[in-house]
Amino acid sequence: MLPATLSLAISALLRNKMRSMLTMLGIVIGVAAVVMMQSMGRGATAYVGDAISGLGSNMLIVIPGTVKGMQQSSLGVPLFTAADLDAVRRQAHDVALVSAAGSRVSRAVVGPYNRSVTTSGVTPEYFEIRAWGAVAGRLLNQADERRASTVCLIGQTVAEALYPGQNPLGREMRVHQIACRVVGVMETKGASAFGMDQDDVIFMPYSTFSRRLMGSDRVQVFMASAKGPDLIEDAKAQIIRVLHRRRHIAQGEDDNFAVRDPRELQSLLQSVTGMLTTLLAGVAAVSLVVGGIGIMNIMLVSVTERTREIGVRLAIGARGSDVLMQFLVEAIALSALGGMVGIGLGLLGAMGAARAIHVPFVVPGSAMPIAFGVSVLVGVTFGVFPARKAAKMNPLAALRYE
């Protein structure tokens, strides 16, 4: 019985191809929008996760200043000292590596080329903490740090801008008022989680940076890495205890420093992208309701147009349930086909958008069957009323209908 009903429903839909396609359009747009939003949201979440993990493994960032919620103030707060870092190395037993770090924007000049670049002073441990290597030349070493050597590493963006078509290794460049020799070119890191180009950077020994560029041996920020992923919280607690003693912070007093775990930032950004994805998918789902109203409208028109056909079927012995099933199957077929087309278009749209904005393309596994199921449910919900109207017709009145 069902195959015959399905055959009748499909033949009825094919008699008005253009009308059937336009009726499906609302469902197609709704499902495509939901699938696309879910895919883009998951891609953005994956991008954030990759960007945060690209900062380094088991990393902690220690910054001076008071922190309240998302607000940070370092006004009047003392910076760290080399002795503070040595104390963390000795007393924080779950900390593997510690590196001083500082940065400022400087003008880099090579012959006729010049560029405003973020110049960072770091100790050699920095590159191991960040899991960042050189594609050419070498990294900074302890001898460079001890001697305050005027050497530097440059990122890919700087290499392309200041040494176009040239090998920068061994060449001189002027950074602010310092002439330094390029000893290495860093691997490409790409954009950070906040969209900043991580390759637009120059690294030099921290001792050189602090004395020659900053004029102070104080440490702006330092980074540490735990000995393992499961020891990050322990390492963080140990750093806090050491700095409490070093900075004479009594129990109950507010800290004048903060230990940042990039996982906290990752969790925050992913929760934000998740909420935005859900909101946008909810807005997109409204068009499914609009599509359902369109199906109900067209099915009511179809019932009116086929009144005599319904009367003939009822007169020759068809039951009201048979007529109801025929029109209900037509509504479900429209919504199901619209759902399948919408899923395909949504995936294609998400793939194109992901390539355009350079985020990973993620197939939203659970969102596709849910969107399809909702589209079918919309067909059932909005198809019941026209189908019931057709099933309750009086056969004689239907046959006399002009």
Protein backbone atom coordinates (compact mmCIF):
# COMPACT_ATOMS: atom_id res chain seq x y z
CA MET A 1 0.00 0.00 0.00
CA LEU A 2 2.77 2.42 0.93
CA PRO A 3 4.68 1.98 -2.37
CA ALA A 4 1.50 2.76 -4.32
CA THR A 5 0.84 5.83 -2.14
CA LEU A 6 4.43 6.98 -2.57
CA SER A 7 4.17 6.51 -6.35
CA LEU A 8 0.97 8.58 -6.46
CA ALA A 9 2.56 11.31 -4.33
CA ILE A 10 5.68 11.55 -6.48
CA SER A 11 3.66 11.62 -9.74
CA ALA A 12 1.53 14.45 -8.29
CA LEU A 13 4.63 16.44 -7.35
CA LEU A 14 6.20 15.90 -10.77
CA ARG A 15 3.11 17.29 -12.51
CA ASN A 16 4.02 20.71 -11.03
CA LYS A 17 7.82 20.62 -11.01
CA MET A 18 8.39 24.36 -10.67
CA ARG A 19 5.87 24.70 -7.86
CA SER A 20 7.38 21.73 -6.03
CA MET A 21 10.90 23.19 -6.36
CA LEU A 22 9.81 26.59 -5.07
CA THR A 23 7.95 24.94 -2.19
CA MET A 24 11.12 23.05 -1.19
CA LEU A 25 13.23 26.20 -1.34
CA GLY A 26 12.42 27.30 2.22
CA ILE A 27 13.41 23.88 3.59
CA VAL A 28 16.57 23.83 1.43
CA ILE A 29 17.68 27.26 2.66
CA GLY A 30 16.90 26.45 6.30
CA VAL A 31 18.74 23.12 6.34
CA ALA A 32 21.70 24.51 4.36
CA ALA A 33 22.03 27.46 6.75
CA VAL A 34 21.92 25.23 9.84
CA VAL A 35 24.51 22.79 8.42
CA MET A 36 26.75 25.63 7.25
CA MET A 37 26.60 27.46 10.60
CA GLN A 38 27.39 24.27 12.53
CA SER A 39 30.29 23.42 10.23
CA MET A 40 31.74 26.94 10.40
CA GLY A 41 31.31 27.03 14.18
CA ARG A 42 33.15 23.75 14.63
CA GLY A 43 35.83 24.89 12.19
CA ALA A 44 36.31 28.09 14.18
CA THR A 45 36.55 26.06 17.39
CA ALA A 46 39.15 23.77 15.81
CA TYR A 47 41.07 26.82 14.56
CA VAL A 48 41.14 28.33 18.05
CA GLY A 49 42.31 25.03 19.50
CA ASP A 50 45.11 24.73 16.94
CA ALA A 51 46.15 28.36 17.49
CA ILE A 52 46.31 27.93 21.27
CA SER A 53 48.15 24.61 21.08
CA GLY A 54 50.57 26.29 18.65
CA LEU A 55 51.67 28.60 21.45
CA GLY A 56 53.55 25.72 23.04
CA SER A 57 53.14 22.54 25.02
CA ASN A 58 52.40 22.63 28.76
CA MET A 59 53.08 26.36 28.76
CA LEU A 60 52.41 28.92 31.48
CA ILE A 61 52.80 32.68 31.08
CA VAL A 62 53.63 34.80 34.14
CA ILE A 63 52.81 38.50 33.90
CA PRO A 64 53.15 41.34 36.42
CA GLY A 65 50.09 43.30 37.53
CA THR A 66 46.79 42.88 39.32
CA VAL A 67 44.10 40.93 37.53
CA LYS A 68 40.37 41.24 38.21
CA GLY A 69 38.21 39.21 35.87
CA MET A 70 39.39 40.08 32.34
CA GLN A 71 40.92 43.40 33.45
CA GLN A 72 44.67 43.65 34.06
CA SER A 73 46.61 46.59 35.45
CA SER A 74 50.40 46.73 35.78
CA LEU A 75 50.61 50.38 36.83
CA GLY A 76 53.14 50.76 39.64
CA VAL A 77 53.70 46.99 39.90
CA PRO A 78 57.36 45.87 39.97
CA LEU A 79 58.60 43.75 37.09
CA PHE A 80 60.36 40.44 37.63
CA THR A 81 64.09 40.01 38.12
CA ALA A 82 66.59 37.43 36.93
CA ALA A 83 66.71 36.19 40.56
CA ASP A 84 62.95 35.54 40.44
CA LEU A 85 63.42 33.30 37.40
CA ASP A 86 66.34 31.48 39.04
CA ALA A 87 64.21 30.86 42.14
CA VAL A 88 61.42 29.38 40.01
CA ARG A 89 63.93 27.12 38.24
CA ARG A 90 65.31 25.82 41.55
CA GLN A 91 62.19 25.59 43.70
CA ALA A 92 59.32 24.80 41.31
CA HIS A 93 60.08 21.10 40.88
CA ASP A 94 57.39 20.41 38.27
CA VAL A 95 58.63 23.23 36.01
CA ALA A 96 60.88 21.99 33.21
CA LEU A 97 61.93 25.22 31.51
CA VAL A 98 61.82 28.95 32.24
CA SER A 99 62.45 31.76 29.77
CA ALA A 100 62.49 35.53 30.12
CA ALA A 101 60.60 37.41 27.44
CA GLY A 102 60.01 41.01 26.51
CA SER A 103 58.91 42.84 23.39
CA ARG A 104 58.55 46.26 21.83
CA VAL A 105 57.77 47.58 18.37
CA SER A 106 60.94 48.74 16.59
CA ARG A 107 61.91 49.90 13.13
CA ALA A 108 64.00 47.33 11.24
CA VAL A 109 66.08 48.60 8.31
CA VAL A 110 67.92 46.66 5.61
CA GLY A 111 69.29 48.82 2.78
CA PRO A 112 66.33 50.50 1.05
CA TYR A 113 63.79 48.38 2.95
CA ASN A 114 62.39 49.18 6.37
CA ARG A 115 59.54 47.80 8.44
CA SER A 116 57.91 48.31 11.83
CA VAL A 117 58.37 44.94 13.56
CA THR A 118 57.70 43.39 16.96
CA THR A 119 61.15 42.84 18.44
CA SER A 120 61.31 40.26 21.21
CA GLY A 121 64.09 39.50 23.64
CA VAL A 122 64.12 35.88 24.79
CA THR A 123 66.41 33.33 26.36
CA PRO A 124 67.18 30.07 24.49
CA GLU A 125 64.60 28.06 26.47
CA TYR A 126 61.84 30.10 24.82
CA PHE A 127 62.01 28.16 21.57
CA GLU A 128 61.70 24.79 23.29
CA ILE A 129 58.75 26.02 25.35
CA ARG A 130 57.03 27.32 22.20
CA ALA A 131 58.07 24.22 20.17
CA TRP A 132 59.33 26.62 17.51
CA GLY A 133 62.31 25.82 15.35
CA ALA A 134 64.33 27.41 12.56
CA VAL A 135 63.99 26.46 8.89
CA ALA A 136 67.37 28.00 8.10
CA GLY A 137 70.41 28.78 10.22
CA ARG A 138 70.27 28.22 13.98
CA LEU A 139 68.41 29.30 17.10
CA LEU A 140 69.81 31.52 19.83
CA ASN A 141 72.03 29.70 22.34
CA GLN A 142 73.39 30.23 25.84
CA ALA A 143 76.64 31.74 24.51
CA ASP A 144 74.61 34.45 22.74
CA GLU A 145 72.79 35.16 26.00
CA ARG A 146 75.98 35.29 28.15
CA ARG A 147 77.81 37.58 25.74
CA ALA A 148 74.77 39.76 24.93
CA SER A 149 75.59 39.07 21.28
CA THR A 150 74.14 41.31 18.58
CA VAL A 151 72.55 38.47 16.65
CA CYS A 152 68.94 37.91 15.73
CA LEU A 153 66.40 35.47 14.34
CA ILE A 154 63.72 36.67 11.96
CA GLY A 155 60.25 35.39 11.09
CA GLN A 156 59.16 34.46 7.58
CA THR A 157 57.20 37.70 7.09
CA VAL A 158 60.24 39.80 8.00
CA ALA A 159 62.50 37.71 5.76
CA GLU A 160 60.20 38.22 2.75
CA ALA A 161 59.75 41.94 3.41
CA LEU A 162 63.36 42.93 4.12
CA TYR A 163 65.27 40.35 2.08
CA PRO A 164 63.12 39.81 -1.03
CA GLY A 165 64.63 37.08 -3.19
CA GLN A 166 67.74 36.91 -0.97
CA ASN A 167 69.19 34.60 1.64
CA PRO A 168 69.18 36.62 4.87
CA LEU A 169 71.59 34.37 6.78
CA GLY A 170 74.75 36.19 7.83
CA ARG A 171 73.49 39.56 6.64
CA GLU A 172 73.32 42.67 8.81
CA MET A 173 70.15 44.55 9.74
CA ARG A 174 69.55 47.55 11.98
CA VAL A 175 66.92 47.20 14.67
CA HIS A 176 66.25 50.54 16.33
CA GLN A 177 69.86 51.68 16.90
CA ILE A 178 71.41 48.20 17.05
CA ALA A 179 73.19 46.54 14.13
CA CYS A 180 72.63 42.79 14.39
CA ARG A 181 73.51 39.79 12.27
CA VAL A 182 70.82 37.37 11.12
CA VAL A 183 71.69 33.84 12.28
CA GLY A 184 68.40 32.07 11.56
CA VAL A 185 64.96 32.18 9.95
CA MET A 186 62.04 30.82 11.97
CA GLU A 187 59.45 28.27 10.91
CA THR A 188 56.12 29.66 9.79
CA LYS A 189 53.65 29.98 12.69
CA GLY A 190 50.84 31.84 10.95
CA ALA A 191 48.22 33.97 12.65
CA SER A 192 47.58 33.80 16.38
CA ALA A 193 44.16 33.19 17.96
CA PHE A 194 43.64 36.96 17.81
CA GLY A 195 44.63 37.24 14.15
CA MET A 196 48.13 38.70 14.68
CA ASP A 197 50.91 37.58 12.35
CA GLN A 198 53.30 35.57 14.52
CA ASP A 199 55.89 35.54 11.72
CA ASP A 200 56.27 39.33 11.73
CA VAL A 201 58.85 39.21 14.51
CA ILE A 202 62.55 39.55 15.30
CA PHE A 203 64.14 37.64 18.19
CA MET A 204 67.37 38.61 19.92
CA PRO A 205 69.06 37.45 23.15
CA TYR A 206 67.25 38.82 26.20
CA SER A 207 70.46 40.25 27.59
CA THR A 208 70.97 42.25 24.38
CA PHE A 209 67.33 43.33 24.25
CA SER A 210 67.16 44.44 27.89
CA ARG A 211 70.45 46.38 27.91
CA ARG A 212 70.52 47.86 24.41
CA LEU A 213 66.83 48.42 23.64
CA MET A 214 65.10 48.71 27.01
CA GLY A 215 67.92 50.03 29.20
CA SER A 216 66.82 47.83 32.12
CA ASP A 217 67.59 44.31 33.27
CA ARG A 218 64.05 43.78 34.59
CA VAL A 219 61.95 41.01 33.05
CA GLN A 220 58.64 42.07 31.51
CA VAL A 221 57.16 38.57 31.26
CA PHE A 222 58.45 35.07 31.72
CA MET A 223 57.29 31.76 30.36
CA ALA A 224 57.50 28.33 31.90
CA SER A 225 56.62 24.83 30.81
CA ALA A 226 55.49 22.00 33.04
CA LYS A 227 57.19 18.62 32.91
CA GLY A 228 53.99 17.03 31.65
CA PRO A 229 50.36 17.85 30.77
CA ASP A 230 49.15 16.34 34.04
CA LEU A 231 51.56 18.54 36.04
CA ILE A 232 50.46 21.94 34.70
CA GLU A 233 48.30 22.75 37.73
CA ASP A 234 51.05 21.64 40.14
CA ALA A 235 53.65 23.72 38.29
CA LYS A 236 51.31 26.72 38.38
CA ALA A 237 50.80 26.38 42.14
CA GLN A 238 54.54 26.06 42.73
CA ILE A 239 55.30 29.20 40.67
CA ILE A 240 52.70 31.12 42.68
CA ARG A 241 54.23 29.98 45.99
CA VAL A 242 57.75 30.95 44.89
CA LEU A 243 56.65 34.39 43.70
CA HIS A 244 54.65 34.99 46.87
CA ARG A 245 57.86 34.60 48.84
CA ARG A 246 59.97 36.57 46.37
CA ARG A 247 57.51 39.48 46.14
CA HIS A 248 56.64 39.42 49.89
CA ILE A 249 52.92 38.90 49.38
CA ALA A 250 51.28 37.94 52.68
CA GLN A 251 48.45 35.44 52.93
CA GLY A 252 45.14 37.14 52.12
CA GLU A 253 46.72 39.93 50.08
CA ASP A 254 45.96 40.33 46.39
CA ASP A 255 48.62 39.02 44.01
CA ASN A 256 50.54 41.59 41.97
CA PHE A 257 51.18 39.03 39.25
CA ALA A 258 49.19 36.44 37.34
CA VAL A 259 50.02 32.98 36.00
CA ARG A 260 48.13 32.47 32.76
CA ASP A 261 47.34 29.04 31.36
CA PRO A 262 46.57 29.17 27.59
CA ARG A 263 43.99 26.43 28.16
CA GLU A 264 41.86 28.99 30.01
CA LEU A 265 41.90 31.22 26.93
CA GLN A 266 41.08 28.24 24.73
CA SER A 267 38.11 27.31 26.91
CA LEU A 268 36.83 30.90 26.88
CA LEU A 269 37.15 31.35 23.12
CA GLN A 270 35.59 27.97 22.40
CA SER A 271 32.63 28.71 24.66
CA VAL A 272 32.13 32.03 22.85
CA THR A 273 32.28 30.41 19.40
CA GLY A 274 29.93 27.67 20.63
CA MET A 275 27.35 30.17 21.82
CA LEU A 276 27.57 32.17 18.60
CA THR A 277 27.24 29.00 16.52
CA THR A 278 24.14 27.93 18.45
CA LEU A 279 22.61 31.40 18.14
CA LEU A 280 23.24 31.60 14.39
CA ALA A 281 21.96 28.06 13.85
CA GLY A 282 18.80 28.98 15.80
CA VAL A 283 18.27 32.03 13.59
CA ALA A 284 18.85 29.89 10.50
CA ALA A 285 16.33 27.33 11.77
CA VAL A 286 13.60 29.97 11.57
CA SER A 287 13.66 29.54 7.79
CA LEU A 288 12.69 25.89 8.35
CA VAL A 289 9.46 27.11 9.92
CA VAL A 290 8.96 29.48 7.00
CA GLY A 291 9.53 26.56 4.65
CA GLY A 292 6.99 24.49 6.57
CA ILE A 293 4.39 27.25 6.21
CA GLY A 294 5.12 27.28 2.48
CA ILE A 295 4.52 23.52 2.31
CA MET A 296 1.21 23.85 4.14
CA ASN A 297 0.12 26.68 1.85
CA ILE A 298 0.94 24.78 -1.34
CA MET A 299 -0.65 21.57 -0.02
CA LEU A 300 -3.87 23.48 0.73
CA VAL A 301 -3.83 24.82 -2.84
CA SER A 302 -3.19 21.30 -4.11
CA VAL A 303 -6.12 19.91 -2.10
CA THR A 304 -8.42 22.55 -3.58
CA GLU A 305 -7.19 21.91 -7.13
CA ARG A 306 -7.63 18.15 -6.80
CA THR A 307 -11.03 18.14 -5.12
CA ARG A 308 -12.65 16.15 -7.96
CA GLU A 309 -9.75 13.65 -7.93
CA ILE A 310 -10.23 13.18 -4.20
CA GLY A 311 -13.99 12.70 -4.73
CA VAL A 312 -13.38 10.04 -7.38
CA ARG A 313 -10.96 8.14 -5.11
CA LEU A 314 -13.39 8.25 -2.21
CA ALA A 315 -16.30 7.23 -4.47
CA ILE A 316 -14.54 4.12 -5.76
CA GLY A 317 -13.71 2.88 -2.28
CA ALA A 318 -10.64 4.70 -1.00
CA ARG A 319 -10.75 5.35 2.73
CA GLY A 320 -10.18 8.70 4.32
CA SER A 321 -6.94 7.35 5.81
CA ASP A 322 -5.69 6.52 2.28
CA VAL A 323 -6.31 10.08 1.10
CA LEU A 324 -4.74 11.50 4.28
CA MET A 325 -1.68 9.30 3.76
CA GLN A 326 -1.33 10.38 0.12
CA PHE A 327 -1.18 14.08 0.92
CA LEU A 328 0.94 13.53 4.02
CA VAL A 329 3.45 11.53 1.98
CA GLU A 330 3.57 14.36 -0.57
CA ALA A 331 4.41 16.87 2.19
CA ILE A 332 7.03 14.54 3.69
CA ALA A 333 8.57 13.89 0.27
CA LEU A 334 8.91 17.63 -0.34
CA SER A 335 10.52 18.28 3.03
CA ALA A 336 12.79 15.19 2.91
CA LEU A 337 14.07 16.02 -0.56
CA GLY A 338 14.55 19.63 0.48
CA GLY A 339 16.47 18.42 3.54
CA MET A 340 18.84 16.28 1.46
CA VAL A 341 19.48 19.07 -1.05
CA GLY A 342 19.98 21.51 1.84
CA ILE A 343 22.59 19.27 3.49
CA GLY A 344 24.54 19.06 0.23
CA LEU A 345 24.40 22.81 -0.38
CA GLY A 346 25.29 23.52 3.27
CA LEU A 347 28.40 21.35 3.07
CA LEU A 348 29.50 22.96 -0.20
CA GLY A 349 28.89 26.44 1.23
CA ALA A 350 30.81 25.62 4.42
CA MET A 351 33.72 24.22 2.41
CA GLY A 352 33.93 27.36 0.29
CA ALA A 353 33.60 29.69 3.29
CA ALA A 354 36.24 27.74 5.25
CA ARG A 355 38.71 28.12 2.39
CA ALA A 356 37.89 31.81 2.06
CA ILE A 357 38.54 32.66 5.72
CA HIS A 358 41.27 30.03 6.25
CA VAL A 359 39.69 27.91 8.96
CA PRO A 360 39.49 24.09 8.98
CA PHE A 361 36.51 22.54 7.20
CA VAL A 362 34.72 20.27 9.68
CA VAL A 363 31.82 18.01 8.69
CA PRO A 364 29.11 18.55 11.34
CA GLY A 365 28.33 14.86 11.87
CA SER A 366 25.48 15.16 14.37
CA ALA A 367 24.03 18.36 12.87
CA MET A 368 23.24 16.76 9.50
CA PRO A 369 20.89 13.98 10.68
CA ILE A 370 19.30 16.41 13.17
CA ALA A 371 18.67 18.99 10.44
CA PHE A 372 17.28 16.31 8.14
CA GLY A 373 15.06 14.92 10.89
CA VAL A 374 13.76 18.42 11.70
CA SER A 375 13.00 19.04 8.02
CA VAL A 376 10.97 15.81 7.86
CA LEU A 377 9.22 16.74 11.12
CA VAL A 378 8.35 20.13 9.62
CA GLY A 379 6.83 18.33 6.61
CA VAL A 380 4.75 16.10 8.87
CA THR A 381 3.65 18.96 11.12
CA PHE A 382 2.63 21.33 8.36
CA GLY A 383 1.31 18.60 6.09
CA VAL A 384 -1.20 17.16 8.57
CA PHE A 385 -3.75 19.97 8.31
CA PRO A 386 -4.10 19.91 4.48
CA ALA A 387 -4.11 16.09 4.54
CA ARG A 388 -6.88 15.99 7.16
CA LYS A 389 -8.89 18.49 5.14
CA ALA A 390 -8.63 16.25 2.08
CA ALA A 391 -9.50 13.09 4.06
CA LYS A 392 -12.68 14.62 5.55
CA MET A 393 -14.18 15.65 2.20
CA ASN A 394 -17.67 14.50 1.34
CA PRO A 395 -17.35 12.36 -1.82
CA LEU A 396 -20.60 13.72 -3.40
CA ALA A 397 -19.69 17.33 -2.71
CA ALA A 398 -16.20 16.71 -4.08
CA LEU A 399 -17.55 15.17 -7.28
CA ARG A 400 -19.88 18.14 -7.85
CA TYR A 401 -17.00 20.64 -7.23
CA GLU A 402 -16.21 22.84 -10.27
